Amino acid sequence: MSDFQHLEEIAGRIKANRQQLATIDEELDRVNMKIHEHPLRSDTESTFAKMIGTSYNDELEELEKSKNTLTTKREGLSSAIKNDMNTFITEIISSNLIIPLEPNPKFNDGNTIYAYRNGAKFNNVFDILSELLGLSAPIVVKDVMLSSSEVVVKVSDEFEAKKKFINSINEVQKTLAIKVR
């Protein structure tokens, strides 16, 4: 059984790991630049240190260790992101997906509005879902607007709203299933 609360956690982890990955990439770029510059600088630095009577600290070994550590962390994060994305997609396209909507909608200006239970918001779910679908949030499918805080169906009849909601979720699931093939 898949539910939005679990998907929210997974999506939040994906976003946090992506931020960490960006930081590691920046640091790895900096270390690689220093390694690249090392042969150009080491002769001058060691000669200068010798001339002034101090010892020269060759940083190359430290830089290589740092590069290896960062590369290992980068690979681990990349793998975690990939696994979490696969899990996210698998769960969101599952026929057992539970979307925690309040059973009794509100009606406003010809729309049927479903809030999430307990006032829940699913910002991370819709950030990742929007990215996967190539759409901006809120996601609009036919006459249904899916957002992190509510679902708005552009009909005033509750039964029709339920049908349109089911169809829109099925459409999102089909689109994602096609994209991941």
N, C-alpha and C. Protein backbone atom coordinates (compact mmCIF):
# COMPACT_ATOMS: atom_id res chain seq x y z
N MET A 1 0.85 -1.18 0.00
CA MET A 1 0.00 0.00 0.00
C MET A 1 0.89 1.24 0.00
N SER A 2 0.60 2.17 -0.87
CA SER A 2 1.35 3.40 -1.00
C SER A 2 0.48 4.56 -0.52
N ASP A 3 1.08 5.47 0.24
CA ASP A 3 0.31 6.62 0.65
C ASP A 3 1.12 7.91 0.49
N PHE A 4 0.41 9.01 0.45
CA PHE A 4 1.03 10.31 0.20
C PHE A 4 2.01 10.71 1.31
N GLN A 5 1.72 10.32 2.55
CA GLN A 5 2.63 10.69 3.64
C GLN A 5 4.00 10.05 3.42
N HIS A 6 4.00 8.79 3.03
CA HIS A 6 5.25 8.09 2.74
C HIS A 6 5.94 8.72 1.52
N LEU A 7 5.15 9.05 0.50
CA LEU A 7 5.71 9.70 -0.69
C LEU A 7 6.30 11.06 -0.35
N GLU A 8 5.68 11.77 0.57
CA GLU A 8 6.19 13.08 1.00
C GLU A 8 7.57 12.92 1.62
N GLU A 9 7.75 11.89 2.43
CA GLU A 9 9.05 11.62 3.05
C GLU A 9 10.09 11.28 1.99
N ILE A 10 9.73 10.43 1.05
CA ILE A 10 10.66 10.05 -0.02
C ILE A 10 11.04 11.27 -0.85
N ALA A 11 10.04 12.07 -1.23
CA ALA A 11 10.30 13.25 -2.05
C ALA A 11 11.17 14.27 -1.30
N GLY A 12 10.93 14.41 0.00
CA GLY A 12 11.75 15.30 0.81
C GLY A 12 13.20 14.83 0.87
N ARG A 13 13.37 13.52 0.97
CA ARG A 13 14.72 12.94 1.00
C ARG A 13 15.41 13.16 -0.35
N ILE A 14 14.67 13.01 -1.45
CA ILE A 14 15.23 13.25 -2.78
C ILE A 14 15.73 14.69 -2.88
N LYS A 15 14.92 15.62 -2.44
CA LYS A 15 15.29 17.04 -2.53
C LYS A 15 16.50 17.35 -1.65
N ALA A 16 16.52 16.81 -0.44
CA ALA A 16 17.65 17.05 0.47
C ALA A 16 18.93 16.43 -0.10
N ASN A 17 18.84 15.22 -0.63
CA ASN A 17 20.01 14.56 -1.21
C ASN A 17 20.51 15.29 -2.44
N ARG A 18 19.60 15.87 -3.21
CA ARG A 18 20.02 16.65 -4.37
C ARG A 18 20.79 17.90 -3.95
N GLN A 19 20.35 18.52 -2.87
CA GLN A 19 21.07 19.69 -2.36
C GLN A 19 22.47 19.29 -1.89
N GLN A 20 22.55 18.19 -1.16
CA GLN A 20 23.85 17.69 -0.71
C GLN A 20 24.74 17.36 -1.91
N LEU A 21 24.15 16.76 -2.92
CA LEU A 21 24.89 16.39 -4.12
C LEU A 21 25.46 17.63 -4.81
N ALA A 22 24.68 18.69 -4.87
CA ALA A 22 25.15 19.94 -5.48
C ALA A 22 26.33 20.51 -4.69
N THR A 23 26.25 20.44 -3.38
CA THR A 23 27.35 20.92 -2.53
C THR A 23 28.60 20.08 -2.75
N ILE A 24 28.44 18.78 -2.81
CA ILE A 24 29.57 17.88 -3.05
C ILE A 24 30.17 18.14 -4.43
N ASP A 25 29.33 18.34 -5.43
CA ASP A 25 29.82 18.63 -6.78
C ASP A 25 30.66 19.91 -6.80
N GLU A 26 30.21 20.94 -6.08
CA GLU A 26 30.97 22.19 -6.00
C GLU A 26 32.34 21.95 -5.35
N GLU A 27 32.33 21.21 -4.26
CA GLU A 27 33.58 20.92 -3.55
C GLU A 27 34.49 20.04 -4.42
N LEU A 28 33.92 19.07 -5.11
CA LEU A 28 34.70 18.21 -6.00
C LEU A 28 35.32 19.02 -7.13
N ASP A 29 34.58 19.97 -7.68
CA ASP A 29 35.13 20.85 -8.71
C ASP A 29 36.32 21.64 -8.18
N ARG A 30 36.17 22.15 -6.94
CA ARG A 30 37.25 22.93 -6.32
C ARG A 30 38.50 22.06 -6.12
N VAL A 31 38.32 20.84 -5.62
CA VAL A 31 39.44 19.92 -5.38
C VAL A 31 40.09 19.53 -6.71
N ASN A 32 39.29 19.22 -7.71
CA ASN A 32 39.83 18.86 -9.03
C ASN A 32 40.63 20.01 -9.64
N MET A 33 40.16 21.24 -9.44
CA MET A 33 40.89 22.39 -9.94
C MET A 33 42.26 22.50 -9.25
N LYS A 34 42.29 22.29 -7.93
CA LYS A 34 43.55 22.34 -7.19
C LYS A 34 44.50 21.23 -7.64
N ILE A 35 43.95 20.04 -7.88
CA ILE A 35 44.79 18.93 -8.36
C ILE A 35 45.36 19.26 -9.74
N HIS A 36 44.53 19.84 -10.58
CA HIS A 36 44.97 20.22 -11.92
C HIS A 36 46.07 21.29 -11.86
N GLU A 37 45.94 22.24 -10.93
CA GLU A 37 46.91 23.32 -10.80
C GLU A 37 48.19 22.87 -10.09
N HIS A 38 48.10 21.79 -9.35
CA HIS A 38 49.23 21.35 -8.52
C HIS A 38 50.56 21.27 -9.26
N PRO A 39 50.63 20.58 -10.42
CA PRO A 39 51.92 20.48 -11.11
C PRO A 39 52.47 21.86 -11.53
N LEU A 40 51.58 22.78 -11.80
CA LEU A 40 52.00 24.12 -12.22
C LEU A 40 52.54 24.94 -11.05
N ARG A 41 52.09 24.64 -9.86
CA ARG A 41 52.45 25.43 -8.69
C ARG A 41 53.52 24.80 -7.81
N SER A 42 53.61 23.47 -7.83
CA SER A 42 54.45 22.80 -6.85
C SER A 42 55.94 23.15 -6.95
N ASP A 43 56.47 23.24 -8.18
CA ASP A 43 57.89 23.61 -8.33
C ASP A 43 58.16 24.97 -7.73
N THR A 44 57.35 25.92 -8.05
CA THR A 44 57.54 27.28 -7.54
C THR A 44 57.41 27.31 -6.03
N GLU A 45 56.36 26.67 -5.51
CA GLU A 45 56.12 26.68 -4.07
C GLU A 45 57.25 25.98 -3.30
N SER A 46 57.71 24.84 -3.81
CA SER A 46 58.78 24.12 -3.09
C SER A 46 60.10 24.88 -3.17
N THR A 47 60.38 25.47 -4.32
CA THR A 47 61.61 26.27 -4.45
C THR A 47 61.56 27.47 -3.53
N PHE A 48 60.44 28.14 -3.48
CA PHE A 48 60.30 29.31 -2.62
C PHE A 48 60.47 28.90 -1.15
N ALA A 49 59.84 27.81 -0.73
CA ALA A 49 59.95 27.35 0.65
C ALA A 49 61.40 27.04 1.00
N LYS A 50 62.12 26.41 0.06
CA LYS A 50 63.52 26.08 0.28
C LYS A 50 64.35 27.36 0.42
N MET A 51 64.08 28.36 -0.44
CA MET A 51 64.84 29.61 -0.41
C MET A 51 64.64 30.38 0.89
N ILE A 52 63.45 30.29 1.48
CA ILE A 52 63.21 31.06 2.71
C ILE A 52 63.41 30.22 3.96
N GLY A 53 63.83 28.97 3.76
CA GLY A 53 64.18 28.14 4.90
C GLY A 53 63.00 27.53 5.63
N THR A 54 61.92 27.28 4.92
CA THR A 54 60.77 26.60 5.55
C THR A 54 60.51 25.30 4.80
N SER A 55 59.71 24.47 5.40
CA SER A 55 59.40 23.21 4.72
C SER A 55 58.19 23.41 3.80
N TYR A 56 58.19 22.64 2.75
CA TYR A 56 57.09 22.69 1.77
C TYR A 56 56.12 21.57 2.07
N ASN A 57 54.86 21.92 2.22
CA ASN A 57 53.81 20.94 2.47
C ASN A 57 53.12 20.62 1.15
N ASP A 58 53.44 19.47 0.60
CA ASP A 58 52.83 19.05 -0.66
C ASP A 58 51.43 18.54 -0.37
N GLU A 59 50.43 19.24 -0.88
CA GLU A 59 49.03 18.93 -0.61
C GLU A 59 48.45 17.85 -1.51
N LEU A 60 49.19 17.37 -2.48
CA LEU A 60 48.63 16.47 -3.47
C LEU A 60 47.99 15.23 -2.86
N GLU A 61 48.66 14.62 -1.89
CA GLU A 61 48.12 13.42 -1.26
C GLU A 61 46.79 13.72 -0.56
N GLU A 62 46.75 14.83 0.16
CA GLU A 62 45.52 15.25 0.84
C GLU A 62 44.41 15.51 -0.16
N LEU A 63 44.75 16.18 -1.25
CA LEU A 63 43.76 16.49 -2.28
C LEU A 63 43.21 15.22 -2.92
N GLU A 64 44.08 14.25 -3.18
CA GLU A 64 43.63 12.98 -3.75
C GLU A 64 42.70 12.24 -2.79
N LYS A 65 43.03 12.24 -1.50
CA LYS A 65 42.17 11.60 -0.50
C LYS A 65 40.81 12.29 -0.46
N SER A 66 40.84 13.61 -0.47
CA SER A 66 39.60 14.38 -0.45
C SER A 66 38.76 14.09 -1.69
N LYS A 67 39.42 14.01 -2.84
CA LYS A 67 38.71 13.70 -4.08
C LYS A 67 38.04 12.33 -4.00
N ASN A 68 38.78 11.34 -3.49
CA ASN A 68 38.22 9.98 -3.37
C ASN A 68 37.04 9.94 -2.40
N THR A 69 37.17 10.64 -1.28
CA THR A 69 36.08 10.70 -0.30
C THR A 69 34.84 11.34 -0.91
N LEU A 70 35.04 12.49 -1.58
CA LEU A 70 33.92 13.19 -2.20
C LEU A 70 33.28 12.35 -3.31
N THR A 71 34.10 11.67 -4.08
CA THR A 71 33.58 10.83 -5.17
C THR A 71 32.73 9.69 -4.60
N THR A 72 33.20 9.09 -3.51
CA THR A 72 32.44 8.02 -2.85
C THR A 72 31.11 8.54 -2.33
N LYS A 73 31.14 9.71 -1.67
CA LYS A 73 29.90 10.31 -1.17
C LYS A 73 28.96 10.63 -2.32
N ARG A 74 29.52 11.15 -3.41
CA ARG A 74 28.72 11.52 -4.57
C ARG A 74 28.02 10.28 -5.15
N GLU A 75 28.77 9.20 -5.27
CA GLU A 75 28.19 7.96 -5.81
C GLU A 75 27.08 7.43 -4.90
N GLY A 76 27.30 7.52 -3.59
CA GLY A 76 26.29 7.07 -2.63
C GLY A 76 25.01 7.89 -2.72
N LEU A 77 25.17 9.21 -2.79
CA LEU A 77 24.00 10.08 -2.91
C LEU A 77 23.28 9.87 -4.24
N SER A 78 24.03 9.74 -5.31
CA SER A 78 23.42 9.51 -6.63
C SER A 78 22.61 8.23 -6.62
N SER A 79 23.16 7.20 -6.00
CA SER A 79 22.46 5.92 -5.91
C SER A 79 21.20 6.06 -5.05
N ALA A 80 21.31 6.76 -3.93
CA ALA A 80 20.15 6.95 -3.05
C ALA A 80 19.05 7.73 -3.77
N ILE A 81 19.43 8.76 -4.52
CA ILE A 81 18.46 9.55 -5.27
C ILE A 81 17.77 8.69 -6.32
N LYS A 82 18.57 7.91 -7.03
CA LYS A 82 18.00 7.04 -8.07
C LYS A 82 17.03 6.03 -7.46
N ASN A 83 17.43 5.41 -6.36
CA ASN A 83 16.57 4.43 -5.70
C ASN A 83 15.28 5.08 -5.19
N ASP A 84 15.42 6.26 -4.57
CA ASP A 84 14.23 6.96 -4.07
C ASP A 84 13.30 7.39 -5.21
N MET A 85 13.87 7.82 -6.33
CA MET A 85 13.04 8.20 -7.48
C MET A 85 12.29 6.98 -8.00
N ASN A 86 12.98 5.85 -8.10
CA ASN A 86 12.32 4.62 -8.56
C ASN A 86 11.19 4.22 -7.61
N THR A 87 11.45 4.30 -6.31
CA THR A 87 10.43 3.98 -5.32
C THR A 87 9.25 4.95 -5.43
N PHE A 88 9.56 6.24 -5.56
CA PHE A 88 8.52 7.26 -5.70
C PHE A 88 7.62 6.95 -6.88
N ILE A 89 8.23 6.69 -8.02
CA ILE A 89 7.46 6.42 -9.24
C ILE A 89 6.65 5.14 -9.09
N THR A 90 7.28 4.09 -8.58
CA THR A 90 6.59 2.81 -8.40
C THR A 90 5.37 2.98 -7.50
N GLU A 91 5.54 3.75 -6.43
CA GLU A 91 4.43 3.92 -5.49
C GLU A 91 3.35 4.84 -6.03
N ILE A 92 3.74 5.88 -6.76
CA ILE A 92 2.73 6.82 -7.25
C ILE A 92 1.89 6.20 -8.37
N ILE A 93 2.47 5.25 -9.12
CA ILE A 93 1.69 4.61 -10.18
C ILE A 93 0.99 3.34 -9.69
N SER A 94 1.15 3.03 -8.43
CA SER A 94 0.54 1.83 -7.86
C SER A 94 -0.98 1.95 -7.84
N SER A 95 -1.64 0.84 -8.09
CA SER A 95 -3.10 0.83 -8.00
C SER A 95 -3.55 0.89 -6.55
N ASN A 96 -2.62 0.70 -5.62
CA ASN A 96 -2.92 0.76 -4.19
C ASN A 96 -2.61 2.11 -3.56
N LEU A 97 -2.39 3.13 -4.40
CA LEU A 97 -2.06 4.47 -3.90
C LEU A 97 -3.22 5.02 -3.07
N ILE A 98 -2.91 5.50 -1.86
CA ILE A 98 -3.89 6.11 -0.98
C ILE A 98 -3.64 7.62 -0.97
N ILE A 99 -4.65 8.37 -1.39
CA ILE A 99 -4.57 9.83 -1.38
C ILE A 99 -5.51 10.29 -0.27
N PRO A 100 -4.96 10.83 0.81
CA PRO A 100 -5.77 11.10 2.00
C PRO A 100 -6.64 12.37 1.90
N LEU A 101 -7.69 12.28 1.10
CA LEU A 101 -8.61 13.40 0.96
C LEU A 101 -9.73 13.28 2.00
N GLU A 102 -10.21 14.43 2.43
CA GLU A 102 -11.39 14.45 3.28
C GLU A 102 -12.55 13.88 2.45
N PRO A 103 -13.37 13.02 3.02
CA PRO A 103 -14.44 12.40 2.23
C PRO A 103 -15.56 13.38 1.83
N ASN A 104 -15.72 14.43 2.61
CA ASN A 104 -16.78 15.40 2.32
C ASN A 104 -16.18 16.68 1.77
N PRO A 105 -16.42 16.94 0.49
CA PRO A 105 -15.83 18.14 -0.12
C PRO A 105 -16.59 19.41 0.23
N LYS A 106 -15.98 20.53 -0.13
CA LYS A 106 -16.64 21.82 -0.04
C LYS A 106 -17.00 22.23 -1.46
N PHE A 107 -17.97 23.09 -1.57
CA PHE A 107 -18.40 23.54 -2.89
C PHE A 107 -18.27 25.06 -2.93
N ASN A 108 -17.67 25.56 -4.02
CA ASN A 108 -17.47 26.99 -4.14
C ASN A 108 -17.40 27.37 -5.62
N ASP A 109 -18.20 28.33 -6.04
CA ASP A 109 -18.20 28.85 -7.41
C ASP A 109 -18.25 27.74 -8.47
N GLY A 110 -19.07 26.75 -8.27
CA GLY A 110 -19.22 25.68 -9.25
C GLY A 110 -18.10 24.65 -9.20
N ASN A 111 -17.25 24.73 -8.19
CA ASN A 111 -16.14 23.77 -8.03
C ASN A 111 -16.38 22.88 -6.83
N THR A 112 -15.87 21.67 -6.92
CA THR A 112 -15.86 20.76 -5.78
C THR A 112 -14.43 20.73 -5.26
N ILE A 113 -14.26 21.04 -3.98
CA ILE A 113 -12.92 21.18 -3.41
C ILE A 113 -12.71 20.14 -2.31
N TYR A 114 -11.71 19.31 -2.54
CA TYR A 114 -11.32 18.31 -1.55
C TYR A 114 -10.04 18.76 -0.87
N ALA A 115 -10.07 18.85 0.45
CA ALA A 115 -8.86 19.15 1.22
C ALA A 115 -8.23 17.83 1.63
N TYR A 116 -6.94 17.86 1.92
CA TYR A 116 -6.29 16.67 2.45
C TYR A 116 -6.66 16.54 3.93
N ARG A 117 -6.74 15.31 4.39
CA ARG A 117 -7.10 15.05 5.79
C ARG A 117 -6.12 15.72 6.74
N ASN A 118 -6.66 16.19 7.83
CA ASN A 118 -5.90 16.84 8.90
C ASN A 118 -5.11 18.06 8.40
N GLY A 119 -5.58 18.68 7.34
CA GLY A 119 -4.92 19.88 6.82
C GLY A 119 -3.53 19.62 6.27
N ALA A 120 -3.23 18.37 5.92
CA ALA A 120 -1.89 18.01 5.43
C ALA A 120 -1.58 18.73 4.13
N LYS A 121 -0.31 18.98 3.93
CA LYS A 121 0.20 19.56 2.67
C LYS A 121 1.30 18.63 2.16
N PHE A 122 1.38 18.51 0.86
CA PHE A 122 2.32 17.58 0.24
C PHE A 122 3.19 18.32 -0.78
N ASN A 123 3.91 19.32 -0.29
CA ASN A 123 4.74 20.15 -1.17
C ASN A 123 5.79 19.34 -1.91
N ASN A 124 6.49 18.47 -1.20
CA ASN A 124 7.56 17.69 -1.82
C ASN A 124 7.03 16.73 -2.87
N VAL A 125 5.89 16.10 -2.58
CA VAL A 125 5.28 15.18 -3.55
C VAL A 125 5.01 15.92 -4.86
N PHE A 126 4.41 17.10 -4.76
CA PHE A 126 4.04 17.81 -5.98
C PHE A 126 5.24 18.46 -6.67
N ASP A 127 6.28 18.78 -5.92
CA ASP A 127 7.52 19.26 -6.56
C ASP A 127 8.11 18.17 -7.45
N ILE A 128 8.24 16.97 -6.91
CA ILE A 128 8.84 15.86 -7.66
C ILE A 128 7.89 15.40 -8.77
N LEU A 129 6.61 15.31 -8.47
CA LEU A 129 5.63 14.89 -9.47
C LEU A 129 5.60 15.87 -10.65
N SER A 130 5.63 17.15 -10.35
CA SER A 130 5.65 18.17 -11.41
C SER A 130 6.88 18.02 -12.28
N GLU A 131 8.01 17.79 -11.63
CA GLU A 131 9.27 17.60 -12.37
C GLU A 131 9.18 16.39 -13.29
N LEU A 132 8.68 15.29 -12.77
CA LEU A 132 8.58 14.07 -13.56
C LEU A 132 7.64 14.22 -14.75
N LEU A 133 6.57 14.97 -14.54
CA LEU A 133 5.58 15.17 -15.61
C LEU A 133 5.96 16.31 -16.55
N GLY A 134 6.95 17.11 -16.15
CA GLY A 134 7.34 18.25 -16.97
C GLY A 134 6.31 19.36 -16.92
N LEU A 135 5.60 19.45 -15.81
CA LEU A 135 4.56 20.47 -15.63
C LEU A 135 4.90 21.32 -14.42
N SER A 136 4.25 22.47 -14.33
CA SER A 136 4.43 23.28 -13.13
C SER A 136 3.28 23.00 -12.18
N ALA A 137 3.56 23.16 -10.89
CA ALA A 137 2.52 22.95 -9.88
C ALA A 137 1.67 24.21 -9.80
N PRO A 138 0.39 24.13 -9.58
CA PRO A 138 -0.39 22.91 -9.43
C PRO A 138 -0.55 22.19 -10.77
N ILE A 139 -0.77 20.91 -10.69
CA ILE A 139 -0.91 20.09 -11.88
C ILE A 139 -2.40 20.08 -12.29
N VAL A 140 -2.65 20.45 -13.52
CA VAL A 140 -4.03 20.47 -14.01
C VAL A 140 -4.17 19.37 -15.06
N VAL A 141 -5.10 18.46 -14.79
CA VAL A 141 -5.39 17.35 -15.71
C VAL A 141 -6.88 17.41 -15.99
N LYS A 142 -7.19 17.73 -17.25
CA LYS A 142 -8.58 17.90 -17.67
C LYS A 142 -9.22 18.97 -16.79
N ASP A 143 -10.25 18.68 -16.04
CA ASP A 143 -10.91 19.69 -15.21
C ASP A 143 -10.55 19.55 -13.73
N VAL A 144 -9.39 18.98 -13.46
CA VAL A 144 -8.99 18.73 -12.07
C VAL A 144 -7.64 19.38 -11.80
N MET A 145 -7.60 20.19 -10.74
CA MET A 145 -6.35 20.82 -10.33
C MET A 145 -5.85 20.10 -9.08
N LEU A 146 -4.69 19.47 -9.22
CA LEU A 146 -4.07 18.74 -8.11
C LEU A 146 -2.97 19.63 -7.54
N SER A 147 -3.08 19.96 -6.27
CA SER A 147 -2.05 20.80 -5.65
C SER A 147 -1.62 20.20 -4.32
N SER A 148 -0.65 20.82 -3.71
CA SER A 148 -0.10 20.30 -2.45
C SER A 148 -1.05 20.46 -1.28
N SER A 149 -2.06 21.33 -1.42
CA SER A 149 -2.96 21.59 -0.30
C SER A 149 -4.41 21.15 -0.53
N GLU A 150 -4.79 20.97 -1.81
CA GLU A 150 -6.17 20.60 -2.09
C GLU A 150 -6.31 20.10 -3.52
N VAL A 151 -7.47 19.53 -3.79
CA VAL A 151 -7.83 19.09 -5.14
C VAL A 151 -9.12 19.84 -5.50
N VAL A 152 -9.06 20.55 -6.63
CA VAL A 152 -10.22 21.31 -7.07
C VAL A 152 -10.72 20.71 -8.39
N VAL A 153 -12.00 20.33 -8.39
CA VAL A 153 -12.61 19.75 -9.58
C VAL A 153 -13.65 20.76 -10.09
N LYS A 154 -13.56 21.06 -11.37
CA LYS A 154 -14.40 22.11 -11.95
C LYS A 154 -15.81 21.64 -12.30
N VAL A 155 -16.46 21.00 -11.36
CA VAL A 155 -17.87 20.65 -11.47
C VAL A 155 -18.49 20.79 -10.08
N SER A 156 -19.78 21.03 -10.03
CA SER A 156 -20.43 21.20 -8.73
C SER A 156 -21.12 19.94 -8.24
N ASP A 157 -21.23 18.94 -9.10
CA ASP A 157 -21.85 17.67 -8.73
C ASP A 157 -20.79 16.75 -8.11
N GLU A 158 -21.05 16.31 -6.89
CA GLU A 158 -20.05 15.51 -6.16
C GLU A 158 -19.72 14.20 -6.86
N PHE A 159 -20.71 13.52 -7.38
CA PHE A 159 -20.47 12.25 -8.06
C PHE A 159 -19.60 12.47 -9.31
N GLU A 160 -19.92 13.49 -10.09
CA GLU A 160 -19.11 13.83 -11.28
C GLU A 160 -17.69 14.20 -10.87
N ALA A 161 -17.57 14.92 -9.76
CA ALA A 161 -16.24 15.31 -9.26
C ALA A 161 -15.41 14.08 -8.93
N LYS A 162 -16.02 13.10 -8.30
CA LYS A 162 -15.31 11.86 -7.96
C LYS A 162 -14.83 11.16 -9.22
N LYS A 163 -15.70 11.07 -10.23
CA LYS A 163 -15.32 10.43 -11.49
C LYS A 163 -14.15 11.17 -12.15
N LYS A 164 -14.24 12.50 -12.20
CA LYS A 164 -13.18 13.30 -12.82
C LYS A 164 -11.86 13.16 -12.05
N PHE A 165 -11.96 13.13 -10.72
CA PHE A 165 -10.76 12.96 -9.90
C PHE A 165 -10.09 11.63 -10.20
N ILE A 166 -10.87 10.56 -10.20
CA ILE A 166 -10.34 9.22 -10.49
C ILE A 166 -9.68 9.21 -11.87
N ASN A 167 -10.34 9.78 -12.86
CA ASN A 167 -9.79 9.82 -14.22
C ASN A 167 -8.49 10.62 -14.28
N SER A 168 -8.43 11.72 -13.55
CA SER A 168 -7.20 12.54 -13.59
C SER A 168 -6.03 11.81 -12.93
N ILE A 169 -6.28 11.14 -11.83
CA ILE A 169 -5.21 10.37 -11.17
C ILE A 169 -4.77 9.24 -12.08
N ASN A 170 -5.71 8.56 -12.71
CA ASN A 170 -5.36 7.49 -13.65
C ASN A 170 -4.52 8.04 -14.80
N GLU A 171 -4.86 9.21 -15.28
CA GLU A 171 -4.12 9.85 -16.37
C GLU A 171 -2.68 10.17 -15.94
N VAL A 172 -2.51 10.70 -14.75
CA VAL A 172 -1.17 11.00 -14.22
C VAL A 172 -0.38 9.70 -14.10
N GLN A 173 -1.00 8.66 -13.58
CA GLN A 173 -0.32 7.37 -13.41
C GLN A 173 0.09 6.77 -14.75
N LYS A 174 -0.79 6.84 -15.73
CA LYS A 174 -0.46 6.31 -17.06
C LYS A 174 0.69 7.08 -17.68
N THR A 175 0.63 8.40 -17.55
CA THR A 175 1.71 9.24 -18.12
C THR A 175 3.04 8.91 -17.48
N LEU A 176 3.06 8.76 -16.17
CA LEU A 176 4.32 8.41 -15.48
C LEU A 176 4.79 7.02 -15.88
N ALA A 177 3.88 6.09 -16.00
CA ALA A 177 4.25 4.72 -16.38
C ALA A 177 4.90 4.72 -17.76
N ILE A 178 4.37 5.52 -18.68
CA ILE A 178 4.95 5.62 -20.03
C ILE A 178 6.32 6.27 -19.98
N LYS A 179 6.46 7.32 -19.17
CA LYS A 179 7.74 8.04 -19.10
C LYS A 179 8.87 7.20 -18.53
N VAL A 180 8.56 6.28 -17.65
CA VAL A 180 9.62 5.50 -17.02
C VAL A 180 9.99 4.24 -17.79
N ARG A 181 9.31 3.95 -18.84
CA ARG A 181 9.65 2.76 -19.63
C ARG A 181 10.96 2.95 -20.34
